[in-house]
Amino acid sequence: MSPLPEVCVVYVLRETPAGVEVLLGEKRRGLGRGRVVAPGGKLEPGESAVQAAVRELAEEVGLHAEPRDLVAHGVLDYRFPHRPEWSQRSHVFLCRRFSGAVTESSELAASFVPVDDVPFERMWDDARFWLPGVLRNGESARWRFDFAEDLASVADSDAPGWPPAR
């Protein structure tokens, strides 16, 4: 099997008097259109995952961060046996230090939401298995997710909590 194409995702966190918030938005085009996601995207040739994350953060939401401000929190393998070209390896980062104001782009309309109000029902199905631990507890996520024929639901995984209780 050839290596999976690499992508990155950045969960920007900020402290408010009401608690911690995370930057999420509705994907406007491409893979995942209509889903709630965090800023991120494909690595360009010769680019490291952290370099791509810094670039994507600026391009998609207008925020600026230094590579040292992004903390790696795992690598997720997404496999789509019924649409192999969608398969990818995602590098997950948290960012608490940034500058600039959130702006909309053709890719993403983002805003901060309380960590306790993350709309998992509007996200990719895998997020419910690993994202709460990363956002709330700073855990690392190193799991595999195989998506079903519907291209939306997880059919198999090595993540804790899989299979889900019915």
C-alpha atoms as a PDB file:
ATOM      1  CA  MET A   1       0.000   0.000   0.000  1.00  0.00           C
ATOM      2  CA  SER A   2       1.367   3.432  -0.901  1.00  0.00           C
ATOM      3  CA  PRO A   3       1.778   6.085   1.800  1.00  0.00           C
ATOM      4  CA  LEU A   4      -1.303   8.123   2.604  1.00  0.00           C
ATOM      5  CA  PRO A   5      -1.404  11.754   1.452  1.00  0.00           C
ATOM      6  CA  GLU A   6      -0.662  14.023   4.417  1.00  0.00           C
ATOM      7  CA  VAL A   7      -2.852  16.800   5.764  1.00  0.00           C
ATOM      8  CA  CYS A   8      -2.959  18.868   8.939  1.00  0.00           C
ATOM      9  CA  VAL A   9      -5.638  20.300  11.224  1.00  0.00           C
ATOM     10  CA  VAL A  10      -5.288  23.061  13.844  1.00  0.00           C
ATOM     11  CA  TYR A  11      -7.573  23.384  16.853  1.00  0.00           C
ATOM     12  CA  VAL A  12      -7.151  26.979  18.031  1.00  0.00           C
ATOM     13  CA  LEU A  13      -8.094  27.378  21.687  1.00  0.00           C
ATOM     14  CA  ARG A  14      -8.711  30.542  23.674  1.00  0.00           C
ATOM     15  CA  GLU A  15      -9.556  31.195  27.308  1.00  0.00           C
ATOM     16  CA  THR A  16     -12.615  33.328  28.098  1.00  0.00           C
ATOM     17  CA  PRO A  17     -14.305  34.185  31.398  1.00  0.00           C
ATOM     18  CA  ALA A  18     -16.910  31.543  30.505  1.00  0.00           C
ATOM     19  CA  GLY A  19     -14.324  28.836  29.768  1.00  0.00           C
ATOM     20  CA  VAL A  20     -12.252  27.457  26.906  1.00  0.00           C
ATOM     21  CA  GLU A  21     -13.410  27.972  23.315  1.00  0.00           C
ATOM     22  CA  VAL A  22     -12.259  26.294  20.096  1.00  0.00           C
ATOM     23  CA  LEU A  23     -12.247  27.719  16.576  1.00  0.00           C
ATOM     24  CA  LEU A  24     -14.489  25.687  14.249  1.00  0.00           C
ATOM     25  CA  GLY A  25     -16.350  26.455  11.056  1.00  0.00           C
ATOM     26  CA  GLU A  26     -18.414  25.117   8.230  1.00  0.00           C
ATOM     27  CA  LYS A  27     -16.361  23.799   5.330  1.00  0.00           C
ATOM     28  CA  ARG A  28     -17.440  25.647   2.195  1.00  0.00           C
ATOM     29  CA  ARG A  29     -15.919  23.494  -0.547  1.00  0.00           C
ATOM     30  CA  GLY A  30     -14.044  20.311  -1.307  1.00  0.00           C
ATOM     31  CA  LEU A  31     -13.834  17.187   0.812  1.00  0.00           C
ATOM     32  CA  GLY A  32     -16.097  17.617   3.834  1.00  0.00           C
ATOM     33  CA  ARG A  33     -18.171  20.441   2.378  1.00  0.00           C
ATOM     34  CA  GLY A  34     -20.964  21.369   4.802  1.00  0.00           C
ATOM     35  CA  ARG A  35     -19.296  19.675   7.783  1.00  0.00           C
ATOM     36  CA  VAL A  36     -17.971  21.516  10.826  1.00  0.00           C
ATOM     37  CA  VAL A  37     -14.175  21.364  10.842  1.00  0.00           C
ATOM     38  CA  ALA A  38     -11.112  23.170  12.168  1.00  0.00           C
ATOM     39  CA  PRO A  39      -8.669  25.002   9.878  1.00  0.00           C
ATOM     40  CA  GLY A  40      -6.296  22.736   7.994  1.00  0.00           C
ATOM     41  CA  GLY A  41      -5.427  21.225   4.675  1.00  0.00           C
ATOM     42  CA  LYS A  42      -2.913  19.425   2.488  1.00  0.00           C
ATOM     43  CA  LEU A  43       0.819  19.601   2.950  1.00  0.00           C
ATOM     44  CA  GLU A  44       2.581  21.162  -0.041  1.00  0.00           C
ATOM     45  CA  PRO A  45       5.704  19.488  -1.504  1.00  0.00           C
ATOM     46  CA  GLY A  46       8.680  19.972   0.811  1.00  0.00           C
ATOM     47  CA  GLU A  47       6.518  21.382   3.606  1.00  0.00           C
ATOM     48  CA  SER A  48       6.460  19.948   7.129  1.00  0.00           C
ATOM     49  CA  ALA A  49       3.163  19.343   8.894  1.00  0.00           C
ATOM     50  CA  VAL A  50       3.716  22.297  11.250  1.00  0.00           C
ATOM     51  CA  GLN A  51       4.643  24.605   8.346  1.00  0.00           C
ATOM     52  CA  ALA A  52       1.456  23.583   6.549  1.00  0.00           C
ATOM     53  CA  ALA A  53      -0.583  24.155   9.710  1.00  0.00           C
ATOM     54  CA  VAL A  54       0.784  27.704  10.114  1.00  0.00           C
ATOM     55  CA  ARG A  55       0.068  28.438   6.429  1.00  0.00           C
ATOM     56  CA  GLU A  56      -3.442  26.961   6.485  1.00  0.00           C
ATOM     57  CA  LEU A  57      -4.322  28.901   9.640  1.00  0.00           C
ATOM     58  CA  ALA A  58      -3.439  32.176   7.897  1.00  0.00           C
ATOM     59  CA  GLU A  59      -5.079  31.254   4.583  1.00  0.00           C
ATOM     60  CA  GLU A  60      -8.328  29.870   5.944  1.00  0.00           C
ATOM     61  CA  VAL A  61      -9.082  32.073   8.959  1.00  0.00           C
ATOM     62  CA  GLY A  62      -6.592  34.966   8.925  1.00  0.00           C
ATOM     63  CA  LEU A  63      -4.823  34.007  12.158  1.00  0.00           C
ATOM     64  CA  HIS A  64      -1.059  34.054  12.541  1.00  0.00           C
ATOM     65  CA  ALA A  65       0.991  31.712  14.694  1.00  0.00           C
ATOM     66  CA  GLU A  66       4.638  30.748  14.902  1.00  0.00           C
ATOM     67  CA  PRO A  67       5.575  27.085  14.445  1.00  0.00           C
ATOM     68  CA  ARG A  68       6.602  26.983  18.134  1.00  0.00           C
ATOM     69  CA  ASP A  69       3.009  27.948  19.047  1.00  0.00           C
ATOM     70  CA  LEU A  70       1.574  24.760  17.558  1.00  0.00           C
ATOM     71  CA  VAL A  71       1.709  21.654  19.718  1.00  0.00           C
ATOM     72  CA  ALA A  72       1.435  18.269  18.018  1.00  0.00           C
ATOM     73  CA  HIS A  73      -1.333  16.106  19.492  1.00  0.00           C
ATOM     74  CA  GLY A  74      -1.327  13.116  17.233  1.00  0.00           C
ATOM     75  CA  VAL A  75      -1.662  11.552  13.841  1.00  0.00           C
ATOM     76  CA  LEU A  76      -4.882  10.042  12.523  1.00  0.00           C
ATOM     77  CA  ASP A  77      -5.142   7.683   9.562  1.00  0.00           C
ATOM     78  CA  TYR A  78      -8.388   7.962   7.633  1.00  0.00           C
ATOM     79  CA  ARG A  79      -9.125   5.148   5.221  1.00  0.00           C
ATOM     80  CA  PHE A  80     -11.962   5.167   2.725  1.00  0.00           C
ATOM     81  CA  PRO A  81     -11.972   1.697   1.085  1.00  0.00           C
ATOM     82  CA  HIS A  82     -14.918   2.708  -1.126  1.00  0.00           C
ATOM     83  CA  ARG A  83     -13.250   5.987  -2.204  1.00  0.00           C
ATOM     84  CA  PRO A  84      -9.474   5.418  -1.794  1.00  0.00           C
ATOM     85  CA  GLU A  85      -8.562   8.871  -3.106  1.00  0.00           C
ATOM     86  CA  TRP A  86     -10.114  10.339   0.075  1.00  0.00           C
ATOM     87  CA  SER A  87      -7.763   8.363   2.341  1.00  0.00           C
ATOM     88  CA  GLN A  88      -5.243  10.499   4.224  1.00  0.00           C
ATOM     89  CA  ARG A  89      -2.992  10.889   7.270  1.00  0.00           C
ATOM     90  CA  SER A  90      -3.879  13.914   9.413  1.00  0.00           C
ATOM     91  CA  HIS A  91      -1.442  15.665  11.760  1.00  0.00           C
ATOM     92  CA  VAL A  92      -3.362  17.172  14.701  1.00  0.00           C
ATOM     93  CA  PHE A  93      -2.199  20.401  16.372  1.00  0.00           C
ATOM     94  CA  LEU A  94      -3.421  22.576  19.226  1.00  0.00           C
ATOM     95  CA  CYS A  95      -2.660  26.300  19.204  1.00  0.00           C
ATOM     96  CA  ARG A  96      -3.166  28.643  22.171  1.00  0.00           C
ATOM     97  CA  ARG A  97      -0.943  31.546  21.029  1.00  0.00           C
ATOM     98  CA  PHE A  98      -1.915  33.431  17.891  1.00  0.00           C
ATOM     99  CA  SER A  99      -2.478  36.928  16.583  1.00  0.00           C
ATOM    100  CA  GLY A 100      -4.945  38.528  14.203  1.00  0.00           C
ATOM    101  CA  ALA A 101      -8.700  38.426  13.906  1.00  0.00           C
ATOM    102  CA  VAL A 102     -10.750  35.558  12.501  1.00  0.00           C
ATOM    103  CA  THR A 103     -11.790  36.251   8.911  1.00  0.00           C
ATOM    104  CA  GLU A 104     -13.881  34.203   6.512  1.00  0.00           C
ATOM    105  CA  SER A 105     -12.369  32.623   3.431  1.00  0.00           C
ATOM    106  CA  SER A 106     -13.666  30.709   0.443  1.00  0.00           C
ATOM    107  CA  GLU A 107     -12.700  27.573   2.384  1.00  0.00           C
ATOM    108  CA  LEU A 108     -14.123  28.134   5.861  1.00  0.00           C
ATOM    109  CA  ALA A 109     -16.555  30.339   7.827  1.00  0.00           C
ATOM    110  CA  ALA A 110     -15.195  29.964  11.362  1.00  0.00           C
ATOM    111  CA  SER A 111     -15.976  31.232  14.851  1.00  0.00           C
ATOM    112  CA  PHE A 112     -15.124  30.295  18.420  1.00  0.00           C
ATOM    113  CA  VAL A 113     -17.473  27.944  20.257  1.00  0.00           C
ATOM    114  CA  PRO A 114     -17.293  26.642  23.843  1.00  0.00           C
ATOM    115  CA  VAL A 115     -15.419  23.335  24.034  1.00  0.00           C
ATOM    116  CA  ASP A 116     -18.454  21.852  25.806  1.00  0.00           C
ATOM    117  CA  ASP A 117     -20.686  22.806  22.848  1.00  0.00           C
ATOM    118  CA  VAL A 118     -18.702  21.277  19.974  1.00  0.00           C
ATOM    119  CA  PRO A 119     -21.320  20.112  17.416  1.00  0.00           C
ATOM    120  CA  PHE A 120     -20.088  16.546  16.931  1.00  0.00           C
ATOM    121  CA  GLU A 121     -23.263  15.644  15.017  1.00  0.00           C
ATOM    122  CA  ARG A 122     -22.144  18.045  12.219  1.00  0.00           C
ATOM    123  CA  MET A 123     -18.535  16.818  12.116  1.00  0.00           C
ATOM    124  CA  TRP A 124     -16.877  13.770  10.600  1.00  0.00           C
ATOM    125  CA  ASP A 125     -18.007  10.678  12.535  1.00  0.00           C
ATOM    126  CA  ASP A 126     -14.530   9.930  13.942  1.00  0.00           C
ATOM    127  CA  ALA A 127     -14.301  13.209  15.914  1.00  0.00           C
ATOM    128  CA  ARG A 128     -16.529  11.965  18.712  1.00  0.00           C
ATOM    129  CA  PHE A 129     -14.013   9.228  19.557  1.00  0.00           C
ATOM    130  CA  TRP A 130     -10.878  11.329  19.975  1.00  0.00           C
ATOM    131  CA  LEU A 131     -11.521  15.089  19.860  1.00  0.00           C
ATOM    132  CA  PRO A 132     -13.071  15.506  23.345  1.00  0.00           C
ATOM    133  CA  GLY A 133      -9.941  14.111  24.996  1.00  0.00           C
ATOM    134  CA  VAL A 134      -7.643  16.328  22.935  1.00  0.00           C
ATOM    135  CA  LEU A 135      -9.646  19.513  23.567  1.00  0.00           C
ATOM    136  CA  ARG A 136     -10.519  18.961  27.225  1.00  0.00           C
ATOM    137  CA  ASN A 137      -7.530  17.025  28.523  1.00  0.00           C
ATOM    138  CA  GLY A 138      -4.710  17.658  26.050  1.00  0.00           C
ATOM    139  CA  GLU A 139      -4.535  13.967  25.150  1.00  0.00           C
ATOM    140  CA  SER A 140      -2.769  12.699  22.046  1.00  0.00           C
ATOM    141  CA  ALA A 141      -4.670  10.880  19.324  1.00  0.00           C
ATOM    142  CA  ARG A 142      -2.943   8.187  17.254  1.00  0.00           C
ATOM    143  CA  TRP A 143      -5.702   6.128  15.729  1.00  0.00           C
ATOM    144  CA  ARG A 144      -6.975   4.622  12.509  1.00  0.00           C
ATOM    145  CA  PHE A 145     -10.501   5.141  11.210  1.00  0.00           C
ATOM    146  CA  ASP A 146     -11.971   3.094   8.352  1.00  0.00           C
ATOM    147  CA  PHE A 147     -15.064   4.672   6.852  1.00  0.00           C
ATOM    148  CA  ALA A 148     -18.078   2.716   5.638  1.00  0.00           C
ATOM    149  CA  GLU A 149     -19.563   2.543   2.170  1.00  0.00           C
ATOM    150  CA  ASP A 150     -21.723   5.590   2.997  1.00  0.00           C
ATOM    151  CA  LEU A 151     -18.423   7.584   3.238  1.00  0.00           C
ATOM    152  CA  ALA A 152     -19.717   9.215   6.423  1.00  0.00           C
ATOM    153  CA  SER A 153     -19.761   6.693   9.263  1.00  0.00           C
ATOM    154  CA  VAL A 154     -16.840   4.889  10.875  1.00  0.00           C
ATOM    155  CA  ALA A 155     -16.941   1.157  10.089  1.00  0.00           C
ATOM    156  CA  ASP A 156     -13.847   0.146  12.056  1.00  0.00           C
ATOM    157  CA  SER A 157     -11.164   1.726  14.242  1.00  0.00           C
ATOM    158  CA  ASP A 158      -8.446   1.020  16.757  1.00  0.00           C
ATOM    159  CA  ALA A 159      -9.517   4.036  18.871  1.00  0.00           C
ATOM    160  CA  PRO A 160     -10.639   3.611  22.480  1.00  0.00           C
ATOM    161  CA  GLY A 161     -14.401   3.318  22.677  1.00  0.00           C
ATOM    162  CA  TRP A 162     -14.638   1.381  19.418  1.00  0.00           C
ATOM    163  CA  PRO A 163     -16.997  -0.207  18.761  1.00  0.00           C
ATOM    164  CA  PRO A 164     -19.453   2.257  20.249  1.00  0.00           C
ATOM    165  CA  ALA A 165     -22.103   0.976  22.633  1.00  0.00           C
ATOM    166  CA  ARG A 166     -25.430   0.500  20.908  1.00  0.00           C
END
